Amino acid sequence: MCTSGANSGVRCNTKVTNMWHLTNDGYGDIWTIEGHQQSDTIAGSQGDSGGPVFTVVNGTQVRATGMIQTVKKTWTNCVGVRYAAPDSWCSSWVYFSSMRTINESLGATLRTG
């Protein structure tokens, strides 16, 4: 799957490693899905919260997977990341909410087709 953060940009090849992970996003404990970057050192960075998580299917379709909540606090420096501020920190671990959770909390449905 891919993450698309305002600071770190689009990063693909993140693999789900835990479907039920308890983390603290700075506002309290939340249950999230945990993903780990497989081919790069960065899955997300500070300021990426709220960005989309998506899956590319057959190179032609994008499926909404979720929304970035936070990154693991054992961070790596973002040197070389185009959109990150010089003092930003990045992580190879990202925590996100699923589209199902987001839709249910809003009482919404995802438009398809």
PDB file of N, CA and C in Angstrom:
ATOM      1  N   MET A   1       0.837  -1.169   0.000  1.00  0.00           N
ATOM      2  CA  MET A   1       0.000   0.000   0.000  1.00  0.00           C
ATOM      3  C   MET A   1       0.885   1.236   0.000  1.00  0.00           C
ATOM      4  N   CYS A   2       0.284   2.396  -0.181  1.00  0.00           N
ATOM      5  CA  CYS A   2       1.002   3.667  -0.248  1.00  0.00           C
ATOM      6  C   CYS A   2       0.437   4.645   0.772  1.00  0.00           C
ATOM      7  N   THR A   3       1.303   5.529   1.246  1.00  0.00           N
ATOM      8  CA  THR A   3       0.883   6.648   2.076  1.00  0.00           C
ATOM      9  C   THR A   3       1.167   7.923   1.293  1.00  0.00           C
ATOM     10  N   SER A   4       0.363   8.944   1.541  1.00  0.00           N
ATOM     11  CA  SER A   4       0.573  10.214   0.866  1.00  0.00           C
ATOM     12  C   SER A   4       0.472  11.326   1.907  1.00  0.00           C
ATOM     13  N   GLY A   5       1.618  11.751   2.392  1.00  0.00           N
ATOM     14  CA  GLY A   5       1.653  12.770   3.430  1.00  0.00           C
ATOM     15  C   GLY A   5       2.032  14.129   2.882  1.00  0.00           C
ATOM     16  N   ALA A   6       1.526  15.171   3.509  1.00  0.00           N
ATOM     17  CA  ALA A   6       1.831  16.538   3.085  1.00  0.00           C
ATOM     18  C   ALA A   6       3.325  16.820   3.144  1.00  0.00           C
ATOM     19  N   ASN A   7       4.020  16.246   4.104  1.00  0.00           N
ATOM     20  CA  ASN A   7       5.451  16.500   4.237  1.00  0.00           C
ATOM     21  C   ASN A   7       6.322  15.464   3.543  1.00  0.00           C
ATOM     22  N   SER A   8       5.984  14.195   3.674  1.00  0.00           N
ATOM     23  CA  SER A   8       6.871  13.160   3.124  1.00  0.00           C
ATOM     24  C   SER A   8       6.539  12.779   1.688  1.00  0.00           C
ATOM     25  N   GLY A   9       5.378  13.214   1.168  1.00  0.00           N
ATOM     26  CA  GLY A   9       5.009  12.866  -0.196  1.00  0.00           C
ATOM     27  C   GLY A   9       4.447  11.459  -0.280  1.00  0.00           C
ATOM     28  N   VAL A  10       4.383  10.924  -1.481  1.00  0.00           N
ATOM     29  CA  VAL A  10       3.847   9.578  -1.697  1.00  0.00           C
ATOM     30  C   VAL A  10       4.956   8.562  -1.484  1.00  0.00           C
ATOM     31  N   ARG A  11       4.670   7.586  -0.652  1.00  0.00           N
ATOM     32  CA  ARG A  11       5.609   6.497  -0.337  1.00  0.00           C
ATOM     33  C   ARG A  11       4.867   5.180  -0.467  1.00  0.00           C
ATOM     34  N   CYS A  12       5.314   4.340  -1.391  1.00  0.00           N
ATOM     35  CA  CYS A  12       4.656   3.046  -1.594  1.00  0.00           C
ATOM     36  C   CYS A  12       5.509   1.912  -1.040  1.00  0.00           C
ATOM     37  N   ASN A  13       4.920   0.735  -1.020  1.00  0.00           N
ATOM     38  CA  ASN A  13       5.525  -0.499  -0.538  1.00  0.00           C
ATOM     39  C   ASN A  13       5.562  -0.571   0.993  1.00  0.00           C
ATOM     40  N   THR A  14       4.491  -0.085   1.608  1.00  0.00           N
ATOM     41  CA  THR A  14       4.313  -0.253   3.050  1.00  0.00           C
ATOM     42  C   THR A  14       3.421  -1.470   3.253  1.00  0.00           C
ATOM     43  N   LYS A  15       3.811  -2.341   4.159  1.00  0.00           N
ATOM     44  CA  LYS A  15       3.098  -3.592   4.412  1.00  0.00           C
ATOM     45  C   LYS A  15       2.410  -3.533   5.774  1.00  0.00           C
ATOM     46  N   VAL A  16       1.151  -3.966   5.836  1.00  0.00           N
ATOM     47  CA  VAL A  16       0.441  -4.047   7.107  1.00  0.00           C
ATOM     48  C   VAL A  16       1.083  -5.139   7.950  1.00  0.00           C
ATOM     49  N   THR A  17       1.452  -4.777   9.185  1.00  0.00           N
ATOM     50  CA  THR A  17       2.090  -5.734  10.088  1.00  0.00           C
ATOM     51  C   THR A  17       1.219  -6.063  11.302  1.00  0.00           C
ATOM     52  N   ASN A  18       0.206  -5.230  11.569  1.00  0.00           N
ATOM     53  CA  ASN A  18      -0.666  -5.467  12.718  1.00  0.00           C
ATOM     54  C   ASN A  18      -1.996  -4.760  12.457  1.00  0.00           C
ATOM     55  N   MET A  19      -3.073  -5.499  12.500  1.00  0.00           N
ATOM     56  CA  MET A  19      -4.399  -4.921  12.229  1.00  0.00           C
ATOM     57  C   MET A  19      -5.045  -4.294  13.467  1.00  0.00           C
ATOM     58  N   TRP A  20      -4.457  -4.464  14.632  1.00  0.00           N
ATOM     59  CA  TRP A  20      -5.069  -3.990  15.871  1.00  0.00           C
ATOM     60  C   TRP A  20      -3.962  -3.509  16.796  1.00  0.00           C
ATOM     61  N   HIS A  21      -3.493  -2.283  16.565  1.00  0.00           N
ATOM     62  CA  HIS A  21      -2.362  -1.739  17.320  1.00  0.00           C
ATOM     63  C   HIS A  21      -2.801  -0.540  18.164  1.00  0.00           C
ATOM     64  N   LEU A  22      -2.524  -0.590  19.461  1.00  0.00           N
ATOM     65  CA  LEU A  22      -2.851   0.519  20.359  1.00  0.00           C
ATOM     66  C   LEU A  22      -1.671   1.494  20.374  1.00  0.00           C
ATOM     67  N   THR A  23      -1.941   2.755  20.040  1.00  0.00           N
ATOM     68  CA  THR A  23      -0.894   3.772  20.029  1.00  0.00           C
ATOM     69  C   THR A  23      -1.447   5.065  20.604  1.00  0.00           C
ATOM     70  N   ASN A  24      -0.568   5.957  20.943  1.00  0.00           N
ATOM     71  CA  ASN A  24      -0.977   7.268  21.445  1.00  0.00           C
ATOM     72  C   ASN A  24      -0.565   8.297  20.413  1.00  0.00           C
ATOM     73  N   ASP A  25      -1.529   9.054  19.904  1.00  0.00           N
ATOM     74  CA  ASP A  25      -1.246  10.033  18.858  1.00  0.00           C
ATOM     75  C   ASP A  25      -0.982  11.436  19.419  1.00  0.00           C
ATOM     76  N   GLY A  26      -0.751  11.523  20.728  1.00  0.00           N
ATOM     77  CA  GLY A  26      -0.523  12.810  21.355  1.00  0.00           C
ATOM     78  C   GLY A  26      -1.780  13.380  21.992  1.00  0.00           C
ATOM     79  N   TYR A  27      -2.935  12.795  21.638  1.00  0.00           N
ATOM     80  CA  TYR A  27      -4.213  13.231  22.205  1.00  0.00           C
ATOM     81  C   TYR A  27      -4.838  12.137  23.059  1.00  0.00           C
ATOM     82  N   GLY A  28      -4.241  10.958  23.044  1.00  0.00           N
ATOM     83  CA  GLY A  28      -4.756   9.827  23.806  1.00  0.00           C
ATOM     84  C   GLY A  28      -4.534   8.527  23.062  1.00  0.00           C
ATOM     85  N   ASP A  29      -4.890   7.431  23.704  1.00  0.00           N
ATOM     86  CA  ASP A  29      -4.731   6.107  23.106  1.00  0.00           C
ATOM     87  C   ASP A  29      -5.804   5.871  22.049  1.00  0.00           C
ATOM     88  N   ILE A  30      -5.395   5.310  20.910  1.00  0.00           N
ATOM     89  CA  ILE A  30      -6.312   4.965  19.831  1.00  0.00           C
ATOM     90  C   ILE A  30      -5.890   3.622  19.232  1.00  0.00           C
ATOM     91  N   TRP A  31      -6.864   2.887  18.733  1.00  0.00           N
ATOM     92  CA  TRP A  31      -6.582   1.644  18.019  1.00  0.00           C
ATOM     93  C   TRP A  31      -6.373   1.970  16.552  1.00  0.00           C
ATOM     94  N   THR A  32      -5.269   1.501  15.991  1.00  0.00           N
ATOM     95  CA  THR A  32      -4.941   1.775  14.598  1.00  0.00           C
ATOM     96  C   THR A  32      -4.445   0.506  13.920  1.00  0.00           C
ATOM     97  N   ILE A  33      -4.183   0.635  12.640  1.00  0.00           N
ATOM     98  CA  ILE A  33      -3.521  -0.405  11.860  1.00  0.00           C
ATOM     99  C   ILE A  33      -2.066   0.021  11.724  1.00  0.00           C
ATOM    100  N   GLU A  34      -1.151  -0.928  11.884  1.00  0.00           N
ATOM    101  CA  GLU A  34       0.281  -0.631  11.819  1.00  0.00           C
ATOM    102  C   GLU A  34       0.847  -1.080  10.473  1.00  0.00           C
ATOM    103  N   GLY A  35       1.638  -0.214   9.848  1.00  0.00           N
ATOM    104  CA  GLY A  35       2.301  -0.556   8.595  1.00  0.00           C
ATOM    105  C   GLY A  35       3.784  -0.257   8.669  1.00  0.00           C
ATOM    106  N   HIS A  36       4.571  -1.057   7.975  1.00  0.00           N
ATOM    107  CA  HIS A  36       6.021  -0.868   7.947  1.00  0.00           C
ATOM    108  C   HIS A  36       6.517  -0.791   6.507  1.00  0.00           C
ATOM    109  N   GLN A  37       7.314   0.212   6.232  1.00  0.00           N
ATOM    110  CA  GLN A  37       7.889   0.420   4.898  1.00  0.00           C
ATOM    111  C   GLN A  37       8.850  -0.719   4.576  1.00  0.00           C
ATOM    112  N   GLN A  38       8.722  -1.289   3.371  1.00  0.00           N
ATOM    113  CA  GLN A  38       9.521  -2.453   2.984  1.00  0.00           C
ATOM    114  C   GLN A  38      10.729  -2.128   2.112  1.00  0.00           C
ATOM    115  N   SER A  39      10.707  -1.012   1.379  1.00  0.00           N
ATOM    116  CA  SER A  39      11.796  -0.763   0.426  1.00  0.00           C
ATOM    117  C   SER A  39      12.471   0.589   0.616  1.00  0.00           C
ATOM    118  N   ASP A  40      12.009   1.380   1.549  1.00  0.00           N
ATOM    119  CA  ASP A  40      12.541   2.717   1.789  1.00  0.00           C
ATOM    120  C   ASP A  40      12.664   2.854   3.300  1.00  0.00           C
ATOM    121  N   THR A  41      13.293   3.887   3.770  1.00  0.00           N
ATOM    122  CA  THR A  41      13.375   4.080   5.215  1.00  0.00           C
ATOM    123  C   THR A  41      12.204   4.884   5.747  1.00  0.00           C
ATOM    124  N   ILE A  42      11.353   5.404   4.858  1.00  0.00           N
ATOM    125  CA  ILE A  42      10.306   6.318   5.288  1.00  0.00           C
ATOM    126  C   ILE A  42       8.918   5.858   4.835  1.00  0.00           C
ATOM    127  N   ALA A  43       7.996   5.766   5.803  1.00  0.00           N
ATOM    128  CA  ALA A  43       6.587   5.514   5.508  1.00  0.00           C
ATOM    129  C   ALA A  43       5.768   6.777   5.749  1.00  0.00           C
ATOM    130  N   GLY A  44       6.273   7.659   6.601  1.00  0.00           N
ATOM    131  CA  GLY A  44       5.570   8.896   6.914  1.00  0.00           C
ATOM    132  C   GLY A  44       6.422   9.788   7.793  1.00  0.00           C
ATOM    133  N   SER A  45       5.928  11.026   8.014  1.00  0.00           N
ATOM    134  CA  SER A  45       6.683  11.974   8.836  1.00  0.00           C
ATOM    135  C   SER A  45       5.744  12.878   9.626  1.00  0.00           C
ATOM    136  N   GLN A  46       6.351  13.683  10.484  1.00  0.00           N
ATOM    137  CA  GLN A  46       5.590  14.693  11.207  1.00  0.00           C
ATOM    138  C   GLN A  46       4.822  15.534  10.196  1.00  0.00           C
ATOM    139  N   GLY A  47       3.574  15.825  10.490  1.00  0.00           N
ATOM    140  CA  GLY A  47       2.772  16.658   9.600  1.00  0.00           C
ATOM    141  C   GLY A  47       2.000  15.888   8.549  1.00  0.00           C
ATOM    142  N   ASP A  48       2.169  14.564   8.488  1.00  0.00           N
ATOM    143  CA  ASP A  48       1.466  13.755   7.491  1.00  0.00           C
ATOM    144  C   ASP A  48       0.078  13.311   7.959  1.00  0.00           C
ATOM    145  N   SER A  49      -0.240  13.507   9.226  1.00  0.00           N
ATOM    146  CA  SER A  49      -1.536  13.073   9.760  1.00  0.00           C
ATOM    147  C   SER A  49      -2.682  13.609   8.921  1.00  0.00           C
ATOM    148  N   GLY A  50      -3.646  12.734   8.669  1.00  0.00           N
ATOM    149  CA  GLY A  50      -4.797  13.106   7.854  1.00  0.00           C
ATOM    150  C   GLY A  50      -4.619  12.776   6.385  1.00  0.00           C
ATOM    151  N   GLY A  51      -3.408  12.411   5.994  1.00  0.00           N
ATOM    152  CA  GLY A  51      -3.148  12.060   4.604  1.00  0.00           C
ATOM    153  C   GLY A  51      -3.713  10.687   4.258  1.00  0.00           C
ATOM    154  N   PRO A  52      -3.985  10.450   2.981  1.00  0.00           N
ATOM    155  CA  PRO A  52      -4.573   9.172   2.580  1.00  0.00           C
ATOM    156  C   PRO A  52      -3.582   8.009   2.583  1.00  0.00           C
ATOM    157  N   VAL A  53      -4.138   6.840   2.858  1.00  0.00           N
ATOM    158  CA  VAL A  53      -3.448   5.564   2.684  1.00  0.00           C
ATOM    159  C   VAL A  53      -4.237   4.856   1.598  1.00  0.00           C
ATOM    160  N   PHE A  54      -3.550   4.369   0.562  1.00  0.00           N
ATOM    161  CA  PHE A  54      -4.263   3.761  -0.558  1.00  0.00           C
ATOM    162  C   PHE A  54      -3.498   2.572  -1.111  1.00  0.00           C
ATOM    163  N   THR A  55      -4.221   1.761  -1.865  1.00  0.00           N
ATOM    164  CA  THR A  55      -3.650   0.584  -2.511  1.00  0.00           C
ATOM    165  C   THR A  55      -3.833   0.738  -4.009  1.00  0.00           C
ATOM    166  N   VAL A  56      -2.778   0.488  -4.765  1.00  0.00           N
ATOM    167  CA  VAL A  56      -2.848   0.539  -6.221  1.00  0.00           C
ATOM    168  C   VAL A  56      -3.116  -0.878  -6.723  1.00  0.00           C
ATOM    169  N   VAL A  57      -4.134  -1.012  -7.569  1.00  0.00           N
ATOM    170  CA  VAL A  57      -4.527  -2.317  -8.092  1.00  0.00           C
ATOM    171  C   VAL A  57      -4.290  -2.329  -9.596  1.00  0.00           C
ATOM    172  N   ASN A  58      -3.531  -3.291 -10.077  1.00  0.00           N
ATOM    173  CA  ASN A  58      -3.252  -3.474 -11.506  1.00  0.00           C
ATOM    174  C   ASN A  58      -2.654  -2.230 -12.166  1.00  0.00           C
ATOM    175  N   GLY A  59      -2.085  -1.335 -11.383  1.00  0.00           N
ATOM    176  CA  GLY A  59      -1.452  -0.143 -11.933  1.00  0.00           C
ATOM    177  C   GLY A  59      -2.419   0.892 -12.490  1.00  0.00           C
ATOM    178  N   THR A  60      -3.737   0.608 -12.423  1.00  0.00           N
ATOM    179  CA  THR A  60      -4.711   1.527 -13.023  1.00  0.00           C
ATOM    180  C   THR A  60      -5.789   1.995 -12.050  1.00  0.00           C
ATOM    181  N   GLN A  61      -5.966   1.301 -10.940  1.00  0.00           N
ATOM    182  CA  GLN A  61      -7.002   1.665  -9.980  1.00  0.00           C
ATOM    183  C   GLN A  61      -6.373   1.965  -8.624  1.00  0.00           C
ATOM    184  N   VAL A  62      -6.977   2.914  -7.918  1.00  0.00           N
ATOM    185  CA  VAL A  62      -6.544   3.236  -6.562  1.00  0.00           C
ATOM    186  C   VAL A  62      -7.705   2.941  -5.629  1.00  0.00           C
ATOM    187  N   ARG A  63      -7.432   2.213  -4.571  1.00  0.00           N
ATOM    188  CA  ARG A  63      -8.458   1.901  -3.578  1.00  0.00           C
ATOM    189  C   ARG A  63      -8.142   2.623  -2.277  1.00  0.00           C
ATOM    190  N   ALA A  64      -9.119   3.356  -1.759  1.00  0.00           N
ATOM    191  CA  ALA A  64      -8.955   4.061  -0.490  1.00  0.00           C
ATOM    192  C   ALA A  64      -8.818   3.021   0.618  1.00  0.00           C
ATOM    193  N   THR A  65      -7.726   3.095   1.366  1.00  0.00           N
ATOM    194  CA  THR A  65      -7.448   2.137   2.417  1.00  0.00           C
ATOM    195  C   THR A  65      -7.646   2.749   3.793  1.00  0.00           C
ATOM    196  N   GLY A  66      -7.249   4.011   3.966  1.00  0.00           N
ATOM    197  CA  GLY A  66      -7.384   4.636   5.271  1.00  0.00           C
ATOM    198  C   GLY A  66      -6.826   6.041   5.312  1.00  0.00           C
ATOM    199  N   MET A  67      -6.533   6.500   6.552  1.00  0.00           N
ATOM    200  CA  MET A  67      -6.025   7.843   6.787  1.00  0.00           C
ATOM    201  C   MET A  67      -4.908   7.777   7.828  1.00  0.00           C
ATOM    202  N   ILE A  68      -3.793   8.437   7.532  1.00  0.00           N
ATOM    203  CA  ILE A  68      -2.641   8.454   8.436  1.00  0.00           C
ATOM    204  C   ILE A  68      -3.027   9.114   9.760  1.00  0.00           C
ATOM    205  N   GLN A  69      -2.681   8.442  10.871  1.00  0.00           N
ATOM    206  CA  GLN A  69      -2.905   8.999  12.203  1.00  0.00           C
ATOM    207  C   GLN A  69      -1.603   9.536  12.803  1.00  0.00           C
ATOM    208  N   THR A  70      -0.553   8.719  12.767  1.00  0.00           N
ATOM    209  CA  THR A  70       0.716   9.098  13.389  1.00  0.00           C
ATOM    210  C   THR A  70       1.807   8.170  12.875  1.00  0.00           C
ATOM    211  N   VAL A  71       3.038   8.441  13.253  1.00  0.00           N
ATOM    212  CA  VAL A  71       4.159   7.565  12.942  1.00  0.00           C
ATOM    213  C   VAL A  71       4.815   7.121  14.241  1.00  0.00           C
ATOM    214  N   LYS A  72       5.572   6.046  14.187  1.00  0.00           N
ATOM    215  CA  LYS A  72       6.245   5.533  15.374  1.00  0.00           C
ATOM    216  C   LYS A  72       7.259   6.542  15.870  1.00  0.00           C
ATOM    217  N   LYS A  73       7.352   6.681  17.156  1.00  0.00           N
ATOM    218  CA  LYS A  73       8.188   7.717  17.748  1.00  0.00           C
ATOM    219  C   LYS A  73       9.685   7.384  17.762  1.00  0.00           C
ATOM    220  N   THR A  74      10.080   6.227  17.289  1.00  0.00           N
ATOM    221  CA  THR A  74      11.506   5.944  17.100  1.00  0.00           C
ATOM    222  C   THR A  74      11.817   6.321  15.661  1.00  0.00           C
ATOM    223  N   TRP A  75      12.104   7.573  15.439  1.00  0.00           N
ATOM    224  CA  TRP A  75      12.155   8.151  14.108  1.00  0.00           C
ATOM    225  C   TRP A  75      13.528   8.133  13.477  1.00  0.00           C
ATOM    226  N   THR A  76      13.522   8.295  12.169  1.00  0.00           N
ATOM    227  CA  THR A  76      14.717   8.421  11.352  1.00  0.00           C
ATOM    228  C   THR A  76      14.739   9.836  10.788  1.00  0.00           C
ATOM    229  N   ASN A  77      15.902  10.380  10.587  1.00  0.00           N
ATOM    230  CA  ASN A  77      15.994  11.728  10.031  1.00  0.00           C
ATOM    231  C   ASN A  77      15.458  11.756   8.608  1.00  0.00           C
ATOM    232  N   CYS A  78      14.827  12.862   8.220  1.00  0.00           N
ATOM    233  CA  CYS A  78      14.189  13.011   6.908  1.00  0.00           C
ATOM    234  C   CYS A  78      15.120  13.595   5.846  1.00  0.00           C
ATOM    235  N   VAL A  79      16.401  13.531   6.024  1.00  0.00           N
ATOM    236  CA  VAL A  79      17.316  14.111   5.044  1.00  0.00           C
ATOM    237  C   VAL A  79      16.993  13.553   3.659  1.00  0.00           C
ATOM    238  N   GLY A  80      16.815  14.444   2.688  1.00  0.00           N
ATOM    239  CA  GLY A  80      16.534  14.037   1.321  1.00  0.00           C
ATOM    240  C   GLY A  80      15.056  13.947   0.979  1.00  0.00           C
ATOM    241  N   VAL A  81      14.179  14.112   1.973  1.00  0.00           N
ATOM    242  CA  VAL A  81      12.743  14.096   1.692  1.00  0.00           C
ATOM    243  C   VAL A  81      12.358  15.471   1.190  1.00  0.00           C
ATOM    244  N   ARG A  82      11.795  15.519   0.012  1.00  0.00           N
ATOM    245  CA  ARG A  82      11.533  16.777  -0.698  1.00  0.00           C
ATOM    246  C   ARG A  82      10.705  17.788   0.085  1.00  0.00           C
ATOM    247  N   TYR A  83       9.634  17.345   0.739  1.00  0.00           N
ATOM    248  CA  TYR A  83       8.696  18.277   1.359  1.00  0.00           C
ATOM    249  C   TYR A  83       8.890  18.461   2.862  1.00  0.00           C
ATOM    250  N   ALA A  84       9.792  17.728   3.458  1.00  0.00           N
ATOM    251  CA  ALA A  84       9.975  17.813   4.909  1.00  0.00           C
ATOM    252  C   ALA A  84      10.829  19.017   5.280  1.00  0.00           C
ATOM    253  N   ALA A  85      10.461  19.664   6.364  1.00  0.00           N
ATOM    254  CA  ALA A  85      11.273  20.772   6.879  1.00  0.00           C
ATOM    255  C   ALA A  85      12.621  20.209   7.333  1.00  0.00           C
ATOM    256  N   PRO A  86      13.664  21.026   7.336  1.00  0.00           N
ATOM    257  CA  PRO A  86      14.999  20.538   7.691  1.00  0.00           C
ATOM    258  C   PRO A  86      15.084  19.852   9.048  1.00  0.00           C
ATOM    259  N   ASP A  87      14.237  20.245   9.992  1.00  0.00           N
ATOM    260  CA  ASP A  87      14.294  19.640  11.322  1.00  0.00           C
ATOM    261  C   ASP A  87      13.228  18.567  11.545  1.00  0.00           C
ATOM    262  N   SER A  88      12.549  18.147  10.482  1.00  0.00           N
ATOM    263  CA  SER A  88      11.513  17.115  10.604  1.00  0.00           C
ATOM    264  C   SER A  88      12.139  15.743  10.836  1.00  0.00           C
ATOM    265  N   TRP A  89      11.328  14.860  11.365  1.00  0.00           N
ATOM    266  CA  TRP A  89      11.731  13.472  11.571  1.00  0.00           C
ATOM    267  C   TRP A  89      10.750  12.552  10.877  1.00  0.00           C
ATOM    268  N   CYS A  90      11.249  11.460  10.359  1.00  0.00           N
ATOM    269  CA  CYS A  90      10.443  10.491   9.629  1.00  0.00           C
ATOM    270  C   CYS A  90      10.527   9.131  10.291  1.00  0.00           C
ATOM    271  N   SER A  91       9.634   8.231   9.884  1.00  0.00           N
ATOM    272  CA  SER A  91       9.625   6.885  10.435  1.00  0.00           C
ATOM    273  C   SER A  91       9.308   5.872   9.345  1.00  0.00           C
ATOM    274  N   SER A  92       9.858   4.685   9.501  1.00  0.00           N
ATOM    275  CA  SER A  92       9.515   3.596   8.591  1.00  0.00           C
ATOM    276  C   SER A  92       8.223   2.909   9.041  1.00  0.00           C
ATOM    277  N   TRP A  93       7.675   3.332  10.190  1.00  0.00           N
ATOM    278  CA  TRP A  93       6.432   2.787  10.732  1.00  0.00           C
ATOM    279  C   TRP A  93       5.343   3.840  10.682  1.00  0.00           C
ATOM    280  N   VAL A  94       4.154   3.466  10.214  1.00  0.00           N
ATOM    281  CA  VAL A  94       3.024   4.384  10.144  1.00  0.00           C
ATOM    282  C   VAL A  94       1.802   3.705  10.770  1.00  0.00           C
ATOM    283  N   TYR A  95       0.971   4.499  11.429  1.00  0.00           N
ATOM    284  CA  TYR A  95      -0.263   4.009  12.038  1.00  0.00           C
ATOM    285  C   TYR A  95      -1.427   4.743  11.386  1.00  0.00           C
ATOM    286  N   PHE A  96      -2.450   4.002  10.975  1.00  0.00           N
ATOM    287  CA  PHE A  96      -3.547   4.626  10.256  1.00  0.00           C
ATOM    288  C   PHE A  96      -4.885   4.000  10.617  1.00  0.00           C
ATOM    289  N   SER A  97      -5.945   4.765  10.386  1.00  0.00           N
ATOM    290  CA  SER A  97      -7.315   4.280  10.564  1.00  0.00           C
ATOM    291  C   SER A  97      -7.821   3.767   9.227  1.00  0.00           C
ATOM    292  N   SER A  98      -8.628   2.722   9.265  1.00  0.00           N
ATOM    293  CA  SER A  98      -9.177   2.162   8.024  1.00  0.00           C
ATOM    294  C   SER A  98     -10.319   3.028   7.509  1.00  0.00           C
ATOM    295  N   MET A  99     -10.605   2.932   6.226  1.00  0.00           N
ATOM    296  CA  MET A  99     -11.735   3.665   5.645  1.00  0.00           C
ATOM    297  C   MET A  99     -13.048   3.223   6.295  1.00  0.00           C
ATOM    298  N   ARG A 100     -13.163   1.964   6.648  1.00  0.00           N
ATOM    299  CA  ARG A 100     -14.376   1.474   7.296  1.00  0.00           C
ATOM    300  C   ARG A 100     -14.590   2.208   8.626  1.00  0.00           C
ATOM    301  N   THR A 101     -13.532   2.332   9.429  1.00  0.00           N
ATOM    302  CA  THR A 101     -13.626   3.040  10.708  1.00  0.00           C
ATOM    303  C   THR A 101     -14.004   4.503  10.501  1.00  0.00           C
ATOM    304  N   ILE A 102     -13.379   5.138   9.532  1.00  0.00           N
ATOM    305  CA  ILE A 102     -13.656   6.547   9.244  1.00  0.00           C
ATOM    306  C   ILE A 102     -15.107   6.724   8.811  1.00  0.00           C
ATOM    307  N   ASN A 103     -15.552   5.906   7.873  1.00  0.00           N
ATOM    308  CA  ASN A 103     -16.924   6.007   7.373  1.00  0.00           C
ATOM    309  C   ASN A 103     -17.955   5.767   8.472  1.00  0.00           C
ATOM    310  N   GLU A 104     -17.726   4.739   9.290  1.00  0.00           N
ATOM    311  CA  GLU A 104     -18.678   4.434  10.361  1.00  0.00           C
ATOM    312  C   GLU A 104     -18.732   5.554  11.392  1.00  0.00           C
ATOM    313  N   SER A 105     -17.594   6.154  11.706  1.00  0.00           N
ATOM    314  CA  SER A 105     -17.592   7.228  12.707  1.00  0.00           C
ATOM    315  C   SER A 105     -18.295   8.476  12.187  1.00  0.00           C
ATOM    316  N   LEU A 106     -18.335   8.645  10.872  1.00  0.00           N
ATOM    317  CA  LEU A 106     -19.016   9.798  10.267  1.00  0.00           C
ATOM    318  C   LEU A 106     -20.443   9.491   9.845  1.00  0.00           C
ATOM    319  N   GLY A 107     -20.827   8.213   9.917  1.00  0.00           N
ATOM    320  CA  GLY A 107     -22.135   7.822   9.415  1.00  0.00           C
ATOM    321  C   GLY A 107     -22.219   7.966   7.909  1.00  0.00           C
ATOM    322  N   ALA A 108     -21.090   7.775   7.242  1.00  0.00           N
ATOM    323  CA  ALA A 108     -20.997   8.000   5.798  1.00  0.00           C
ATOM    324  C   ALA A 108     -20.766   6.688   5.059  1.00  0.00           C
ATOM    325  N   THR A 109     -20.831   6.772   3.752  1.00  0.00           N
ATOM    326  CA  THR A 109     -20.471   5.653   2.890  1.00  0.00           C
ATOM    327  C   THR A 109     -19.444   6.154   1.885  1.00  0.00           C
ATOM    328  N   LEU A 110     -18.620   5.265   1.407  1.00  0.00           N
ATOM    329  CA  LEU A 110     -17.601   5.614   0.428  1.00  0.00           C
ATOM    330  C   LEU A 110     -18.201   5.491  -0.963  1.00  0.00           C
ATOM    331  N   ARG A 111     -18.105   6.529  -1.747  1.00  0.00           N
ATOM    332  CA  ARG A 111     -18.633   6.501  -3.109  1.00  0.00           C
ATOM    333  C   ARG A 111     -17.696   5.675  -3.987  1.00  0.00           C
ATOM    334  N   THR A 112     -18.273   4.777  -4.751  1.00  0.00           N
ATOM    335  CA  THR A 112     -17.490   3.914  -5.626  1.00  0.00           C
ATOM    336  C   THR A 112     -18.027   4.014  -7.046  1.00  0.00           C
ATOM    337  N   GLY A 113     -17.222   3.535  -7.986  1.00  0.00           N
ATOM    338  CA  GLY A 113     -17.695   3.471  -9.356  1.00  0.00           C
ATOM    339  C   GLY A 113     -17.146   4.535 -10.250  1.00  0.00           C
TER     340      GLY A 113
END
